[in-house]
């Protein structure tokens, strides 16, 4: 829809009329000049009083002034609102792909599934709800790998998660390296930075100690939520099974150091509840923002005003040339007086 950026400039429309009414007429200081074609100036005066072609030129000048003021008011065309991406958090997901994730102690639809399959289902729903967040994906086993950089394309992140498989990154668990990689990818980012780390074991690989990595994450402003998954039946009497088991103390310490929280998921229902709780702790941006594209239109009335001005100048030039030609073709009074004598002779 058309709008004016500076509509108050239309207050300048009556300026020519006010100038004509309020300002005194210009005083000529030159000496009087006698001309033999005074009737020509009388015709111009008559035209200026609105009884000849001069009235049309006055209207053209008025339209040109109106167009100039319209151009100065900056007419614009406002386009349809375009929604902008919501500004949310930078959120990294780190998923354990070690061999122990093959343990089939979770249920989906009444069937037993491995821990990674249950994680994929629950995390995919979580990703779908995080509208406005930039989400990245880290997969770790013997080493940590960046599977998806931070992006608003949630579908791509979800697809890459679904394509992951157990032992894809190795047999062991490098929790410290996963945190270190997240810190590296989020370093220098502004706003909220969050890492959600899912593991069912203890740190058995990698070059970085998990506690040291958590301390570095705290210095970088990265908040970490840790999720330990696995049923009680897979655990030993002290929380550790023969395969290494879940190191809850380390995961709790990581969350405590960085200002996050530790969650324990023993089945699919608890895992889903954990991600719903994280949704409450880290709510998505709710404020909608829109952008209206603006197209400037001032050059159209400006060009029309310039064309009318050029036309007015051309008419005045033509009028001057016509008067000059008329003066040359008219006989002088002296010549007119001699004509009868020449005829008599």
C-alpha atoms as a PDB file:
ATOM      1  CA  UNK A   1       0.000   0.000   0.000  1.00  0.00           C
ATOM      2  CA  UNK A   2       1.260   3.548  -0.733  1.00  0.00           C
ATOM      3  CA  UNK A   3       2.457   5.678   2.165  1.00  0.00           C
ATOM      4  CA  UNK A   4       4.472   8.842   2.730  1.00  0.00           C
ATOM      5  CA  UNK A   5       7.609   8.765   4.880  1.00  0.00           C
ATOM      6  CA  UNK A   6       7.479  12.526   5.585  1.00  0.00           C
ATOM      7  CA  UNK A   7       3.814  13.569   5.161  1.00  0.00           C
ATOM      8  CA  UNK A   8       4.361  16.777   7.167  1.00  0.00           C
ATOM      9  CA  UNK A   9       6.125  18.273   4.120  1.00  0.00           C
ATOM     10  CA  UNK A  10       2.697  18.791   2.511  1.00  0.00           C
ATOM     11  CA  UNK A  11       2.450  21.819   4.809  1.00  0.00           C
ATOM     12  CA  UNK A  12       4.696  23.560   2.270  1.00  0.00           C
ATOM     13  CA  UNK A  13       1.992  23.479  -0.429  1.00  0.00           C
ATOM     14  CA  UNK A  14       0.637  27.019   0.242  1.00  0.00           C
ATOM     15  CA  UNK A  15       4.093  28.645   0.257  1.00  0.00           C
ATOM     16  CA  UNK A  16       3.846  30.123  -3.296  1.00  0.00           C
ATOM     17  CA  UNK A  17       0.418  31.632  -2.517  1.00  0.00           C
ATOM     18  CA  UNK A  18       1.672  33.050   0.793  1.00  0.00           C
ATOM     19  CA  UNK A  19       4.739  34.506  -0.899  1.00  0.00           C
ATOM     20  CA  UNK A  20       2.559  36.206  -3.524  1.00  0.00           C
ATOM     21  CA  UNK A  21       0.189  37.586  -0.887  1.00  0.00           C
ATOM     22  CA  UNK A  22       2.591  38.636   1.842  1.00  0.00           C
ATOM     23  CA  UNK A  23       5.805  39.693   0.146  1.00  0.00           C
ATOM     24  CA  UNK A  24       5.984  43.192  -1.387  1.00  0.00           C
ATOM     25  CA  UNK A  25       6.383  43.395  -5.166  1.00  0.00           C
ATOM     26  CA  UNK A  26       9.909  43.704  -6.471  1.00  0.00           C
ATOM     27  CA  UNK A  27      11.057  47.311  -7.021  1.00  0.00           C
ATOM     28  CA  UNK A  28      12.792  47.974 -10.331  1.00  0.00           C
ATOM     29  CA  UNK A  29      15.860  50.244  -9.892  1.00  0.00           C
ATOM     30  CA  UNK A  30      16.751  50.571 -13.559  1.00  0.00           C
ATOM     31  CA  UNK A  31      15.910  53.648 -15.564  1.00  0.00           C
ATOM     32  CA  UNK A  32      12.695  53.581 -17.546  1.00  0.00           C
ATOM     33  CA  UNK A  33      13.009  52.273 -21.063  1.00  0.00           C
ATOM     34  CA  UNK A  34      10.778  53.545 -23.824  1.00  0.00           C
ATOM     35  CA  UNK A  35       9.840  50.902 -26.340  1.00  0.00           C
ATOM     36  CA  UNK A  36       7.758  51.277 -29.454  1.00  0.00           C
ATOM     37  CA  UNK A  37       5.911  47.963 -28.955  1.00  0.00           C
ATOM     38  CA  UNK A  38       4.199  48.625 -25.635  1.00  0.00           C
ATOM     39  CA  UNK A  39       1.092  46.819 -26.819  1.00  0.00           C
ATOM     40  CA  UNK A  40       3.040  43.516 -26.655  1.00  0.00           C
ATOM     41  CA  UNK A  41       3.636  43.923 -22.936  1.00  0.00           C
ATOM     42  CA  UNK A  42       0.004  44.801 -22.488  1.00  0.00           C
ATOM     43  CA  UNK A  43      -0.858  41.431 -24.076  1.00  0.00           C
ATOM     44  CA  UNK A  44       1.529  39.640 -21.687  1.00  0.00           C
ATOM     45  CA  UNK A  45      -0.069  41.381 -18.728  1.00  0.00           C
ATOM     46  CA  UNK A  46      -3.477  40.301 -19.921  1.00  0.00           C
ATOM     47  CA  UNK A  47      -2.287  36.712 -20.207  1.00  0.00           C
ATOM     48  CA  UNK A  48      -0.823  36.856 -16.684  1.00  0.00           C
ATOM     49  CA  UNK A  49      -4.216  37.971 -15.346  1.00  0.00           C
ATOM     50  CA  UNK A  50      -5.792  34.730 -16.534  1.00  0.00           C
ATOM     51  CA  UNK A  51      -7.396  35.864 -19.815  1.00  0.00           C
ATOM     52  CA  UNK A  52      -5.011  34.155 -22.199  1.00  0.00           C
ATOM     53  CA  UNK A  53      -2.524  31.324 -22.662  1.00  0.00           C
ATOM     54  CA  UNK A  54      -0.616  32.529 -19.567  1.00  0.00           C
ATOM     55  CA  UNK A  55      -3.352  31.052 -17.376  1.00  0.00           C
ATOM     56  CA  UNK A  56      -2.462  27.584 -18.645  1.00  0.00           C
ATOM     57  CA  UNK A  57       1.196  28.168 -17.795  1.00  0.00           C
ATOM     58  CA  UNK A  58       0.186  29.193 -14.282  1.00  0.00           C
ATOM     59  CA  UNK A  59      -1.672  25.925 -13.850  1.00  0.00           C
ATOM     60  CA  UNK A  60       1.350  23.984 -15.130  1.00  0.00           C
ATOM     61  CA  UNK A  61       3.557  25.745 -12.590  1.00  0.00           C
ATOM     62  CA  UNK A  62       1.062  24.894  -9.840  1.00  0.00           C
ATOM     63  CA  UNK A  63       1.062  21.208 -10.825  1.00  0.00           C
ATOM     64  CA  UNK A  64       4.875  21.182 -10.956  1.00  0.00           C
ATOM     65  CA  UNK A  65       5.017  22.599  -7.411  1.00  0.00           C
ATOM     66  CA  UNK A  66       2.540  19.987  -6.187  1.00  0.00           C
ATOM     67  CA  UNK A  67       4.673  17.230  -7.723  1.00  0.00           C
ATOM     68  CA  UNK A  68       7.841  18.618  -6.117  1.00  0.00           C
ATOM     69  CA  UNK A  69       6.251  18.654  -2.668  1.00  0.00           C
ATOM     70  CA  UNK A  70       4.914  15.142  -3.222  1.00  0.00           C
ATOM     71  CA  UNK A  71       8.404  13.917  -4.130  1.00  0.00           C
ATOM     72  CA  UNK A  72       9.856  15.633  -1.048  1.00  0.00           C
ATOM     73  CA  UNK A  73       7.328  13.774   1.154  1.00  0.00           C
ATOM     74  CA  UNK A  74       8.938  10.488  -0.036  1.00  0.00           C
ATOM     75  CA  UNK A  75       6.082   8.343  -1.343  1.00  0.00           C
ATOM     76  CA  UNK A  76       6.717   4.643  -0.712  1.00  0.00           C
ATOM     77  CA  UNK A  77       5.078   1.360  -1.502  1.00  0.00           C
ATOM     78  CA  UNK A  78       4.790  -0.874   1.569  1.00  0.00           C
ATOM     79  CA  UNK A  79       4.909  -4.557   0.645  1.00  0.00           C
ATOM     80  CA  UNK A  80       3.204  -7.430   2.418  1.00  0.00           C
ATOM     81  CA  UNK A  81       4.655  -8.394   5.831  1.00  0.00           C
ATOM     82  CA  UNK A  82       7.372 -11.044   5.603  1.00  0.00           C
ATOM     83  CA  UNK A  83       7.964 -13.111   8.786  1.00  0.00           C
ATOM     84  CA  UNK A  84      11.537 -13.175  10.047  1.00  0.00           C
ATOM     85  CA  UNK A  85      13.198 -16.137  11.753  1.00  0.00           C
ATOM     86  CA  UNK A  86      12.803 -16.012  15.506  1.00  0.00           C
ATOM     87  CA  UNK A  87      15.933 -15.230  17.447  1.00  0.00           C
ATOM     88  CA  UNK A  88      16.433 -18.150  19.787  1.00  0.00           C
ATOM     89  CA  UNK A  89      19.347 -20.015  21.278  1.00  0.00           C
ATOM     90  CA  UNK A  90      22.405 -21.685  19.853  1.00  0.00           C
ATOM     91  CA  UNK A  91      21.691 -25.262  20.903  1.00  0.00           C
ATOM     92  CA  UNK A  92      24.033 -28.197  20.355  1.00  0.00           C
ATOM     93  CA  UNK A  93      22.951 -31.828  20.737  1.00  0.00           C
ATOM     94  CA  UNK A  94      25.619 -34.399  21.595  1.00  0.00           C
ATOM     95  CA  UNK A  95      24.553 -38.051  21.236  1.00  0.00           C
ATOM     96  CA  UNK A  96      26.545 -41.076  22.385  1.00  0.00           C
ATOM     97  CA  UNK A  97      27.036 -43.760  19.687  1.00  0.00           C
ATOM     98  CA  UNK A  98      29.192 -46.139  21.716  1.00  0.00           C
ATOM     99  CA  UNK A  99      28.600 -49.897  21.688  1.00  0.00           C
ATOM    100  CA  UNK A 100      26.584 -49.858  24.917  1.00  0.00           C
ATOM    101  CA  UNK A 101      23.840 -47.848  23.168  1.00  0.00           C
ATOM    102  CA  UNK A 102      22.833 -51.139  21.528  1.00  0.00           C
ATOM    103  CA  UNK A 103      21.344 -52.362  24.836  1.00  0.00           C
ATOM    104  CA  UNK A 104      17.649 -53.143  24.225  1.00  0.00           C
ATOM    105  CA  UNK A 105      16.117 -51.921  27.489  1.00  0.00           C
ATOM    106  CA  UNK A 106      13.676 -49.286  26.139  1.00  0.00           C
ATOM    107  CA  UNK A 107      10.201 -49.870  24.717  1.00  0.00           C
ATOM    108  CA  UNK A 108       8.391 -48.186  21.825  1.00  0.00           C
ATOM    109  CA  UNK A 109       4.892 -49.245  20.858  1.00  0.00           C
ATOM    110  CA  UNK A 110       5.091 -52.310  23.093  1.00  0.00           C
ATOM    111  CA  UNK A 111       8.348 -53.525  21.529  1.00  0.00           C
ATOM    112  CA  UNK A 112      11.848 -53.558  22.972  1.00  0.00           C
ATOM    113  CA  UNK A 113      14.287 -51.243  21.163  1.00  0.00           C
ATOM    114  CA  UNK A 114      17.881 -50.190  21.722  1.00  0.00           C
ATOM    115  CA  UNK A 115      18.775 -46.976  23.510  1.00  0.00           C
ATOM    116  CA  UNK A 116      19.819 -45.144  20.365  1.00  0.00           C
ATOM    117  CA  UNK A 117      16.474 -45.819  18.654  1.00  0.00           C
ATOM    118  CA  UNK A 118      14.564 -44.458  21.653  1.00  0.00           C
ATOM    119  CA  UNK A 119      16.871 -41.444  21.736  1.00  0.00           C
ATOM    120  CA  UNK A 120      16.254 -40.735  18.049  1.00  0.00           C
ATOM    121  CA  UNK A 121      12.468 -40.741  18.504  1.00  0.00           C
ATOM    122  CA  UNK A 122      12.453 -38.467  21.541  1.00  0.00           C
ATOM    123  CA  UNK A 123      15.167 -36.079  20.285  1.00  0.00           C
ATOM    124  CA  UNK A 124      13.442 -35.738  16.879  1.00  0.00           C
ATOM    125  CA  UNK A 125      10.281 -34.502  18.611  1.00  0.00           C
ATOM    126  CA  UNK A 126      12.401 -32.119  20.662  1.00  0.00           C
ATOM    127  CA  UNK A 127      14.103 -30.717  17.536  1.00  0.00           C
ATOM    128  CA  UNK A 128      10.731 -30.139  15.864  1.00  0.00           C
ATOM    129  CA  UNK A 129       9.578 -27.990  18.791  1.00  0.00           C
ATOM    130  CA  UNK A 130      12.677 -25.752  18.833  1.00  0.00           C
ATOM    131  CA  UNK A 131      11.459 -23.175  16.327  1.00  0.00           C
ATOM    132  CA  UNK A 132      13.735 -20.140  16.295  1.00  0.00           C
ATOM    133  CA  UNK A 133      16.766 -21.956  17.733  1.00  0.00           C
ATOM    134  CA  UNK A 134      19.883 -22.700  15.745  1.00  0.00           C
ATOM    135  CA  UNK A 135      20.564 -26.392  16.302  1.00  0.00           C
ATOM    136  CA  UNK A 136      23.746 -28.375  15.735  1.00  0.00           C
ATOM    137  CA  UNK A 137      24.503 -32.085  16.132  1.00  0.00           C
ATOM    138  CA  UNK A 138      27.599 -33.766  17.584  1.00  0.00           C
ATOM    139  CA  UNK A 139      28.060 -37.545  17.505  1.00  0.00           C
ATOM    140  CA  UNK A 140      30.698 -39.117  19.707  1.00  0.00           C
ATOM    141  CA  UNK A 141      32.263 -42.487  20.407  1.00  0.00           C
ATOM    142  CA  UNK A 142      36.040 -42.929  20.384  1.00  0.00           C
ATOM    143  CA  UNK A 143      36.152 -39.318  19.155  1.00  0.00           C
ATOM    144  CA  UNK A 144      33.637 -36.499  18.736  1.00  0.00           C
ATOM    145  CA  UNK A 145      32.459 -35.424  15.282  1.00  0.00           C
ATOM    146  CA  UNK A 146      30.407 -32.449  14.142  1.00  0.00           C
ATOM    147  CA  UNK A 147      27.600 -34.000  12.132  1.00  0.00           C
ATOM    148  CA  UNK A 148      25.571 -30.793  11.591  1.00  0.00           C
ATOM    149  CA  UNK A 149      26.742 -27.201  12.216  1.00  0.00           C
ATOM    150  CA  UNK A 150      24.421 -24.668  13.830  1.00  0.00           C
ATOM    151  CA  UNK A 151      21.449 -24.100  11.534  1.00  0.00           C
ATOM    152  CA  UNK A 152      17.768 -23.126  11.480  1.00  0.00           C
ATOM    153  CA  UNK A 153      17.122 -26.112   9.179  1.00  0.00           C
ATOM    154  CA  UNK A 154      15.678 -28.463  11.782  1.00  0.00           C
ATOM    155  CA  UNK A 155      14.651 -31.034   9.169  1.00  0.00           C
ATOM    156  CA  UNK A 156      18.254 -31.540   8.083  1.00  0.00           C
ATOM    157  CA  UNK A 157      19.466 -31.976  11.653  1.00  0.00           C
ATOM    158  CA  UNK A 158      16.714 -34.499  12.302  1.00  0.00           C
ATOM    159  CA  UNK A 159      17.567 -36.457   9.154  1.00  0.00           C
ATOM    160  CA  UNK A 160      21.262 -36.585  10.047  1.00  0.00           C
ATOM    161  CA  UNK A 161      20.352 -37.864  13.508  1.00  0.00           C
ATOM    162  CA  UNK A 162      18.174 -40.595  12.004  1.00  0.00           C
ATOM    163  CA  UNK A 163      21.050 -41.676   9.748  1.00  0.00           C
ATOM    164  CA  UNK A 164      23.420 -42.204  12.698  1.00  0.00           C
ATOM    165  CA  UNK A 165      24.087 -45.753  13.864  1.00  0.00           C
ATOM    166  CA  UNK A 166      25.790 -47.470  16.791  1.00  0.00           C
ATOM    167  CA  UNK A 167      29.615 -47.625  16.666  1.00  0.00           C
ATOM    168  CA  UNK A 168      29.547 -45.087  13.822  1.00  0.00           C
ATOM    169  CA  UNK A 169      32.086 -43.034  15.809  1.00  0.00           C
ATOM    170  CA  UNK A 170      33.734 -45.969  17.572  1.00  0.00           C
ATOM    171  CA  UNK A 171      33.157 -48.389  20.400  1.00  0.00           C
ATOM    172  CA  UNK A 172      34.156 -46.226  23.385  1.00  0.00           C
ATOM    173  CA  UNK A 173      32.853 -42.950  24.897  1.00  0.00           C
ATOM    174  CA  UNK A 174      34.649 -39.584  24.629  1.00  0.00           C
ATOM    175  CA  UNK A 175      32.447 -37.284  26.721  1.00  0.00           C
ATOM    176  CA  UNK A 176      35.186 -34.704  27.291  1.00  0.00           C
ATOM    177  CA  UNK A 177      35.927 -34.397  23.575  1.00  0.00           C
ATOM    178  CA  UNK A 178      32.213 -33.910  22.811  1.00  0.00           C
ATOM    179  CA  UNK A 179      32.050 -31.003  25.267  1.00  0.00           C
ATOM    180  CA  UNK A 180      35.276 -29.548  23.900  1.00  0.00           C
ATOM    181  CA  UNK A 181      33.964 -29.677  20.330  1.00  0.00           C
ATOM    182  CA  UNK A 182      30.733 -27.956  21.397  1.00  0.00           C
ATOM    183  CA  UNK A 183      32.749 -25.207  23.102  1.00  0.00           C
ATOM    184  CA  UNK A 184      34.792 -24.725  19.941  1.00  0.00           C
ATOM    185  CA  UNK A 185      31.742 -24.464  17.689  1.00  0.00           C
ATOM    186  CA  UNK A 186      29.895 -22.078  20.023  1.00  0.00           C
ATOM    187  CA  UNK A 187      32.869 -19.859  20.893  1.00  0.00           C
ATOM    188  CA  UNK A 188      32.259 -16.219  20.031  1.00  0.00           C
ATOM    189  CA  UNK A 189      28.509 -16.672  19.548  1.00  0.00           C
ATOM    190  CA  UNK A 190      26.249 -14.100  21.179  1.00  0.00           C
ATOM    191  CA  UNK A 191      23.135 -14.909  23.152  1.00  0.00           C
ATOM    192  CA  UNK A 192      22.134 -18.116  24.928  1.00  0.00           C
ATOM    193  CA  UNK A 193      24.373 -21.148  24.339  1.00  0.00           C
ATOM    194  CA  UNK A 194      23.196 -24.592  25.417  1.00  0.00           C
ATOM    195  CA  UNK A 195      24.531 -28.132  25.064  1.00  0.00           C
ATOM    196  CA  UNK A 196      22.352 -31.222  25.684  1.00  0.00           C
ATOM    197  CA  UNK A 197      24.540 -34.287  26.123  1.00  0.00           C
ATOM    198  CA  UNK A 198      23.086 -37.816  26.072  1.00  0.00           C
ATOM    199  CA  UNK A 199      25.223 -40.754  27.227  1.00  0.00           C
ATOM    200  CA  UNK A 200      24.825 -44.157  28.818  1.00  0.00           C
ATOM    201  CA  UNK A 201      28.429 -44.706  29.903  1.00  0.00           C
ATOM    202  CA  UNK A 202      31.540 -43.157  31.359  1.00  0.00           C
ATOM    203  CA  UNK A 203      34.397 -41.309  29.705  1.00  0.00           C
ATOM    204  CA  UNK A 204      36.681 -44.073  28.343  1.00  0.00           C
ATOM    205  CA  UNK A 205      38.271 -42.326  25.339  1.00  0.00           C
ATOM    206  CA  UNK A 206      39.297 -38.956  24.002  1.00  0.00           C
ATOM    207  CA  UNK A 207      41.985 -36.474  24.926  1.00  0.00           C
ATOM    208  CA  UNK A 208      40.060 -34.054  27.160  1.00  0.00           C
ATOM    209  CA  UNK A 209      38.928 -34.688  30.707  1.00  0.00           C
ATOM    210  CA  UNK A 210      35.168 -34.116  31.081  1.00  0.00           C
ATOM    211  CA  UNK A 211      35.500 -31.962  34.223  1.00  0.00           C
ATOM    212  CA  UNK A 212      38.187 -29.778  32.634  1.00  0.00           C
ATOM    213  CA  UNK A 213      36.018 -29.447  29.531  1.00  0.00           C
ATOM    214  CA  UNK A 214      33.071 -28.382  31.709  1.00  0.00           C
ATOM    215  CA  UNK A 215      35.180 -25.681  33.359  1.00  0.00           C
ATOM    216  CA  UNK A 216      36.157 -24.315  29.951  1.00  0.00           C
ATOM    217  CA  UNK A 217      32.487 -24.409  28.899  1.00  0.00           C
ATOM    218  CA  UNK A 218      31.528 -22.355  31.944  1.00  0.00           C
ATOM    219  CA  UNK A 219      34.123 -19.710  31.024  1.00  0.00           C
ATOM    220  CA  UNK A 220      32.605 -19.522  27.533  1.00  0.00           C
ATOM    221  CA  UNK A 221      29.064 -19.121  28.903  1.00  0.00           C
ATOM    222  CA  UNK A 222      27.934 -22.563  27.717  1.00  0.00           C
ATOM    223  CA  UNK A 223      25.233 -24.216  29.824  1.00  0.00           C
ATOM    224  CA  UNK A 224      25.160 -28.034  29.696  1.00  0.00           C
ATOM    225  CA  UNK A 225      22.241 -30.355  30.397  1.00  0.00           C
ATOM    226  CA  UNK A 226      23.357 -33.970  30.804  1.00  0.00           C
ATOM    227  CA  UNK A 227      21.064 -36.980  30.366  1.00  0.00           C
ATOM    228  CA  UNK A 228      22.049 -40.426  31.584  1.00  0.00           C
ATOM    229  CA  UNK A 229      20.029 -43.182  29.931  1.00  0.00           C
ATOM    230  CA  UNK A 230      19.684 -46.888  30.692  1.00  0.00           C
ATOM    231  CA  UNK A 231      17.460 -49.095  32.841  1.00  0.00           C
ATOM    232  CA  UNK A 232      18.335 -50.173  36.355  1.00  0.00           C
ATOM    233  CA  UNK A 233      18.533 -53.788  35.212  1.00  0.00           C
ATOM    234  CA  UNK A 234      21.629 -52.968  33.191  1.00  0.00           C
ATOM    235  CA  UNK A 235      23.377 -51.441  36.191  1.00  0.00           C
ATOM    236  CA  UNK A 236      25.482 -53.097  38.847  1.00  0.00           C
ATOM    237  CA  UNK A 237      25.008 -52.681  42.605  1.00  0.00           C
ATOM    238  CA  UNK A 238      26.989 -49.418  42.669  1.00  0.00           C
ATOM    239  CA  UNK A 239      25.590 -47.907  39.482  1.00  0.00           C
ATOM    240  CA  UNK A 240      28.359 -49.399  37.321  1.00  0.00           C
ATOM    241  CA  UNK A 241      27.972 -52.446  35.092  1.00  0.00           C
ATOM    242  CA  UNK A 242      30.603 -54.741  33.686  1.00  0.00           C
ATOM    243  CA  UNK A 243      30.819 -52.773  30.478  1.00  0.00           C
ATOM    244  CA  UNK A 244      31.737 -49.559  32.275  1.00  0.00           C
ATOM    245  CA  UNK A 245      28.189 -48.447  33.044  1.00  0.00           C
ATOM    246  CA  UNK A 246      26.766 -44.988  33.570  1.00  0.00           C
ATOM    247  CA  UNK A 247      29.019 -42.506  35.401  1.00  0.00           C
ATOM    248  CA  UNK A 248      26.305 -40.390  36.992  1.00  0.00           C
ATOM    249  CA  UNK A 249      28.701 -38.480  39.240  1.00  0.00           C
ATOM    250  CA  UNK A 250      30.630 -37.091  36.291  1.00  0.00           C
ATOM    251  CA  UNK A 251      27.470 -36.139  34.412  1.00  0.00           C
ATOM    252  CA  UNK A 252      26.110 -34.426  37.539  1.00  0.00           C
ATOM    253  CA  UNK A 253      29.363 -32.522  38.008  1.00  0.00           C
ATOM    254  CA  UNK A 254      29.350 -31.329  34.384  1.00  0.00           C
ATOM    255  CA  UNK A 255      25.814 -29.969  34.762  1.00  0.00           C
ATOM    256  CA  UNK A 256      26.559 -28.374  38.135  1.00  0.00           C
ATOM    257  CA  UNK A 257      29.747 -26.618  36.927  1.00  0.00           C
ATOM    258  CA  UNK A 258      28.064 -25.080  33.881  1.00  0.00           C
ATOM    259  CA  UNK A 259      24.792 -24.086  35.549  1.00  0.00           C
ATOM    260  CA  UNK A 260      22.722 -26.798  33.886  1.00  0.00           C
ATOM    261  CA  UNK A 261      20.932 -29.873  35.244  1.00  0.00           C
ATOM    262  CA  UNK A 262      21.377 -33.623  35.219  1.00  0.00           C
ATOM    263  CA  UNK A 263      18.491 -35.928  34.257  1.00  0.00           C
ATOM    264  CA  UNK A 264      18.113 -39.681  34.559  1.00  0.00           C
ATOM    265  CA  UNK A 265      16.088 -41.569  31.927  1.00  0.00           C
ATOM    266  CA  UNK A 266      15.315 -45.234  32.723  1.00  0.00           C
ATOM    267  CA  UNK A 267      12.682 -45.663  30.021  1.00  0.00           C
ATOM    268  CA  UNK A 268      11.207 -43.914  26.976  1.00  0.00           C
ATOM    269  CA  UNK A 269       8.538 -42.098  28.993  1.00  0.00           C
ATOM    270  CA  UNK A 270      11.111 -40.553  31.331  1.00  0.00           C
ATOM    271  CA  UNK A 271      13.308 -39.581  28.396  1.00  0.00           C
ATOM    272  CA  UNK A 272      10.400 -37.750  26.753  1.00  0.00           C
ATOM    273  CA  UNK A 273       9.570 -36.001  30.028  1.00  0.00           C
ATOM    274  CA  UNK A 274      13.185 -34.856  30.358  1.00  0.00           C
ATOM    275  CA  UNK A 275      13.115 -33.098  26.998  1.00  0.00           C
ATOM    276  CA  UNK A 276       9.792 -31.496  27.887  1.00  0.00           C
ATOM    277  CA  UNK A 277      11.395 -30.237  31.088  1.00  0.00           C
ATOM    278  CA  UNK A 278      14.295 -28.807  29.095  1.00  0.00           C
ATOM    279  CA  UNK A 279      11.721 -27.044  26.905  1.00  0.00           C
ATOM    280  CA  UNK A 280      10.456 -25.306  30.050  1.00  0.00           C
ATOM    281  CA  UNK A 281      13.941 -24.457  31.306  1.00  0.00           C
ATOM    282  CA  UNK A 282      14.993 -23.145  27.867  1.00  0.00           C
ATOM    283  CA  UNK A 283      11.753 -21.798  26.318  1.00  0.00           C
ATOM    284  CA  UNK A 284      11.702 -21.022  22.626  1.00  0.00           C
ATOM    285  CA  UNK A 285      11.316 -17.414  21.475  1.00  0.00           C
ATOM    286  CA  UNK A 286       7.598 -16.533  21.378  1.00  0.00           C
ATOM    287  CA  UNK A 287       7.706 -13.005  19.926  1.00  0.00           C
ATOM    288  CA  UNK A 288       6.975 -12.907  16.208  1.00  0.00           C
ATOM    289  CA  UNK A 289       8.820 -10.399  14.048  1.00  0.00           C
ATOM    290  CA  UNK A 290       7.907  -9.295  10.555  1.00  0.00           C
ATOM    291  CA  UNK A 291       9.593  -7.232   7.877  1.00  0.00           C
ATOM    292  CA  UNK A 292       7.762  -5.018   5.371  1.00  0.00           C
ATOM    293  CA  UNK A 293       9.742  -4.409   2.171  1.00  0.00           C
ATOM    294  CA  UNK A 294       9.694  -0.747   1.124  1.00  0.00           C
ATOM    295  CA  UNK A 295      10.018   0.510  -2.456  1.00  0.00           C
ATOM    296  CA  UNK A 296      10.789   4.218  -2.937  1.00  0.00           C
ATOM    297  CA  UNK A 297       8.538   6.057  -5.451  1.00  0.00           C
ATOM    298  CA  UNK A 298       9.689   9.677  -5.085  1.00  0.00           C
ATOM    299  CA  UNK A 299      11.529   9.693  -8.425  1.00  0.00           C
ATOM    300  CA  UNK A 300       8.242   9.478 -10.383  1.00  0.00           C
ATOM    301  CA  UNK A 301       6.720  12.787  -9.195  1.00  0.00           C
ATOM    302  CA  UNK A 302      10.177  14.359  -9.245  1.00  0.00           C
ATOM    303  CA  UNK A 303      10.708  13.404 -12.891  1.00  0.00           C
ATOM    304  CA  UNK A 304       7.224  14.685 -13.811  1.00  0.00           C
ATOM    305  CA  UNK A 305       7.932  18.016 -12.091  1.00  0.00           C
ATOM    306  CA  UNK A 306      11.199  18.409 -13.987  1.00  0.00           C
ATOM    307  CA  UNK A 307       9.474  17.671 -17.281  1.00  0.00           C
ATOM    308  CA  UNK A 308       6.774  20.277 -16.568  1.00  0.00           C
ATOM    309  CA  UNK A 309       9.447  22.816 -15.614  1.00  0.00           C
ATOM    310  CA  UNK A 310      11.272  22.202 -18.864  1.00  0.00           C
ATOM    311  CA  UNK A 311       7.980  22.632 -20.724  1.00  0.00           C
ATOM    312  CA  UNK A 312       7.318  25.960 -19.010  1.00  0.00           C
ATOM    313  CA  UNK A 313      10.805  27.214 -19.879  1.00  0.00           C
ATOM    314  CA  UNK A 314      10.242  26.181 -23.481  1.00  0.00           C
ATOM    315  CA  UNK A 315       6.927  28.086 -23.676  1.00  0.00           C
ATOM    316  CA  UNK A 316       8.529  31.237 -22.249  1.00  0.00           C
ATOM    317  CA  UNK A 317      11.394  30.952 -24.711  1.00  0.00           C
ATOM    318  CA  UNK A 318       8.937  30.517 -27.556  1.00  0.00           C
ATOM    319  CA  UNK A 319       6.922  33.500 -26.379  1.00  0.00           C
ATOM    320  CA  UNK A 320      10.037  35.686 -26.310  1.00  0.00           C
ATOM    321  CA  UNK A 321      11.016  34.621 -29.797  1.00  0.00           C
ATOM    322  CA  UNK A 322       7.496  35.344 -31.058  1.00  0.00           C
ATOM    323  CA  UNK A 323       7.547  38.846 -29.610  1.00  0.00           C
ATOM    324  CA  UNK A 324      10.923  39.529 -31.157  1.00  0.00           C
ATOM    325  CA  UNK A 325       9.684  38.365 -34.557  1.00  0.00           C
ATOM    326  CA  UNK A 326       6.540  40.458 -34.262  1.00  0.00           C
ATOM    327  CA  UNK A 327       8.615  43.524 -33.426  1.00  0.00           C
ATOM    328  CA  UNK A 328      10.823  43.063 -36.480  1.00  0.00           C
ATOM    329  CA  UNK A 329       7.855  42.664 -38.798  1.00  0.00           C
ATOM    330  CA  UNK A 330       5.979  45.735 -37.487  1.00  0.00           C
ATOM    331  CA  UNK A 331       6.808  49.045 -39.269  1.00  0.00           C
ATOM    332  CA  UNK A 332       8.015  51.924 -37.135  1.00  0.00           C
ATOM    333  CA  UNK A 333       5.956  55.021 -36.670  1.00  0.00           C
ATOM    334  CA  UNK A 334       8.370  57.036 -38.843  1.00  0.00           C
ATOM    335  CA  UNK A 335       8.068  54.582 -41.666  1.00  0.00           C
ATOM    336  CA  UNK A 336       4.327  54.533 -41.321  1.00  0.00           C
ATOM    337  CA  UNK A 337       4.284  58.324 -41.575  1.00  0.00           C
ATOM    338  CA  UNK A 338       6.311  58.388 -44.807  1.00  0.00           C
ATOM    339  CA  UNK A 339       4.278  55.820 -46.628  1.00  0.00           C
ATOM    340  CA  UNK A 340       1.503  58.206 -47.696  1.00  0.00           C
ATOM    341  CA  UNK A 341       4.094  60.689 -49.068  1.00  0.00           C
ATOM    342  CA  UNK A 342       5.778  57.992 -51.159  1.00  0.00           C
ATOM    343  CA  UNK A 343       2.448  56.929 -52.506  1.00  0.00           C
ATOM    344  CA  UNK A 344       1.615  60.531 -53.391  1.00  0.00           C
ATOM    345  CA  UNK A 345       4.855  60.914 -55.305  1.00  0.00           C
END
